[in-house]
Amino acid sequence: MLDPGEVDREAYELFLRGLEIFNHRELARFDEAIDLLQRSIEAEPSFALAHAVLGRVYSTQAGYFRVPS
């Protein structure tokens, strides 16, 4: 795991953009958040926080598509 000061700048900026989009919880923009987070991970594969937020986006996105009982 990387220390905060060791994260690639581009990866961090992509992460922040993806996180901002996700935090607005606009389902129509989740794919954009996913793309940005995946690009962040490609730029810095050890960036654990980007992996965690990407998982959270997928989990939240799946929750939107649950069929009510």
C-alpha atoms as a PDB file:
ATOM      1  CA  MET A   1       0.000   0.000   0.000  1.00  0.00           C
ATOM      2  CA  LEU A   2       1.253   3.464  -0.857  1.00  0.00           C
ATOM      3  CA  ASP A   3       1.748   6.331   1.524  1.00  0.00           C
ATOM      4  CA  PRO A   4      -0.436   9.341   0.596  1.00  0.00           C
ATOM      5  CA  GLY A   5       2.564  11.305  -0.679  1.00  0.00           C
ATOM      6  CA  GLU A   6       3.636   8.499  -2.993  1.00  0.00           C
ATOM      7  CA  VAL A   7       0.535   8.343  -5.199  1.00  0.00           C
ATOM      8  CA  ASP A   8       1.072   9.335  -8.822  1.00  0.00           C
ATOM      9  CA  ARG A   9      -0.349  12.827  -9.389  1.00  0.00           C
ATOM     10  CA  GLU A  10      -2.365  11.841 -12.486  1.00  0.00           C
ATOM     11  CA  ALA A  11      -3.797   8.818 -10.659  1.00  0.00           C
ATOM     12  CA  TYR A  12      -4.788  11.003  -7.724  1.00  0.00           C
ATOM     13  CA  GLU A  13      -6.476  13.615  -9.924  1.00  0.00           C
ATOM     14  CA  LEU A  14      -8.421  10.926 -11.798  1.00  0.00           C
ATOM     15  CA  PHE A  15      -9.409   9.428  -8.453  1.00  0.00           C
ATOM     16  CA  LEU A  16     -10.673  12.763  -7.127  1.00  0.00           C
ATOM     17  CA  ARG A  17     -12.754  13.373 -10.257  1.00  0.00           C
ATOM     18  CA  GLY A  18     -14.263   9.891 -10.065  1.00  0.00           C
ATOM     19  CA  LEU A  19     -14.970  10.275  -6.356  1.00  0.00           C
ATOM     20  CA  GLU A  20     -16.652  13.644  -6.868  1.00  0.00           C
ATOM     21  CA  ILE A  21     -18.963  12.212  -9.525  1.00  0.00           C
ATOM     22  CA  PHE A  22     -19.783   9.214  -7.327  1.00  0.00           C
ATOM     23  CA  ASN A  23     -20.520  11.418  -4.315  1.00  0.00           C
ATOM     24  CA  HIS A  24     -23.277  13.199  -6.256  1.00  0.00           C
ATOM     25  CA  ARG A  25     -25.052   9.810  -6.605  1.00  0.00           C
ATOM     26  CA  GLU A  26     -26.280  10.540 -10.145  1.00  0.00           C
ATOM     27  CA  LEU A  27     -26.817   7.070 -11.562  1.00  0.00           C
ATOM     28  CA  ALA A  28     -26.475   8.365 -15.136  1.00  0.00           C
ATOM     29  CA  ARG A  29     -22.866   9.380 -14.372  1.00  0.00           C
ATOM     30  CA  PHE A  30     -21.717   6.228 -12.567  1.00  0.00           C
ATOM     31  CA  ASP A  31     -20.144   4.868 -15.756  1.00  0.00           C
ATOM     32  CA  GLU A  32     -18.056   8.037 -15.983  1.00  0.00           C
ATOM     33  CA  ALA A  33     -16.951   7.609 -12.356  1.00  0.00           C
ATOM     34  CA  ILE A  34     -16.045   3.970 -13.070  1.00  0.00           C
ATOM     35  CA  ASP A  35     -13.980   4.975 -16.093  1.00  0.00           C
ATOM     36  CA  LEU A  36     -12.066   7.620 -14.139  1.00  0.00           C
ATOM     37  CA  LEU A  37     -11.388   5.260 -11.241  1.00  0.00           C
ATOM     38  CA  GLN A  38     -10.230   2.493 -13.587  1.00  0.00           C
ATOM     39  CA  ARG A  39      -7.873   4.945 -15.285  1.00  0.00           C
ATOM     40  CA  SER A  40      -6.574   5.974 -11.865  1.00  0.00           C
ATOM     41  CA  ILE A  41      -5.856   2.327 -11.054  1.00  0.00           C
ATOM     42  CA  GLU A  42      -4.135   1.809 -14.414  1.00  0.00           C
ATOM     43  CA  ALA A  43      -1.878   4.786 -13.668  1.00  0.00           C
ATOM     44  CA  GLU A  44      -1.151   3.576 -10.115  1.00  0.00           C
ATOM     45  CA  PRO A  45      -2.066  -0.106  -9.598  1.00  0.00           C
ATOM     46  CA  SER A  46      -1.117   0.032  -5.887  1.00  0.00           C
ATOM     47  CA  PHE A  47      -3.563   2.861  -5.141  1.00  0.00           C
ATOM     48  CA  ALA A  48      -5.752   0.931  -2.694  1.00  0.00           C
ATOM     49  CA  LEU A  49      -8.192   3.769  -2.077  1.00  0.00           C
ATOM     50  CA  ALA A  50      -9.053   3.929  -5.786  1.00  0.00           C
ATOM     51  CA  HIS A  51      -9.747   0.180  -5.737  1.00  0.00           C
ATOM     52  CA  ALA A  52     -11.967   0.586  -2.664  1.00  0.00           C
ATOM     53  CA  VAL A  53     -14.002   3.441  -4.124  1.00  0.00           C
ATOM     54  CA  LEU A  54     -14.380   1.593  -7.432  1.00  0.00           C
ATOM     55  CA  GLY A  55     -15.850  -1.341  -5.515  1.00  0.00           C
ATOM     56  CA  ARG A  56     -18.175   1.026  -3.698  1.00  0.00           C
ATOM     57  CA  VAL A  57     -19.382   2.500  -7.003  1.00  0.00           C
ATOM     58  CA  TYR A  58     -20.113  -0.968  -8.385  1.00  0.00           C
ATOM     59  CA  SER A  59     -21.911  -1.944  -5.177  1.00  0.00           C
ATOM     60  CA  THR A  60     -24.028   1.208  -5.127  1.00  0.00           C
ATOM     61  CA  GLN A  61     -24.804   0.898  -8.821  1.00  0.00           C
ATOM     62  CA  ALA A  62     -26.004  -2.681  -8.297  1.00  0.00           C
ATOM     63  CA  GLY A  63     -28.228  -1.503  -5.449  1.00  0.00           C
ATOM     64  CA  TYR A  64     -30.034   0.876  -7.778  1.00  0.00           C
ATOM     65  CA  PHE A  65     -31.043  -2.047  -9.975  1.00  0.00           C
ATOM     66  CA  ARG A  66     -32.468  -4.301  -7.249  1.00  0.00           C
ATOM     67  CA  VAL A  67     -35.998  -5.453  -7.894  1.00  0.00           C
ATOM     68  CA  PRO A  68     -38.321  -4.424  -5.051  1.00  0.00           C
ATOM     69  CA  SER A  69     -39.874  -7.366  -3.180  1.00  0.00           C
END
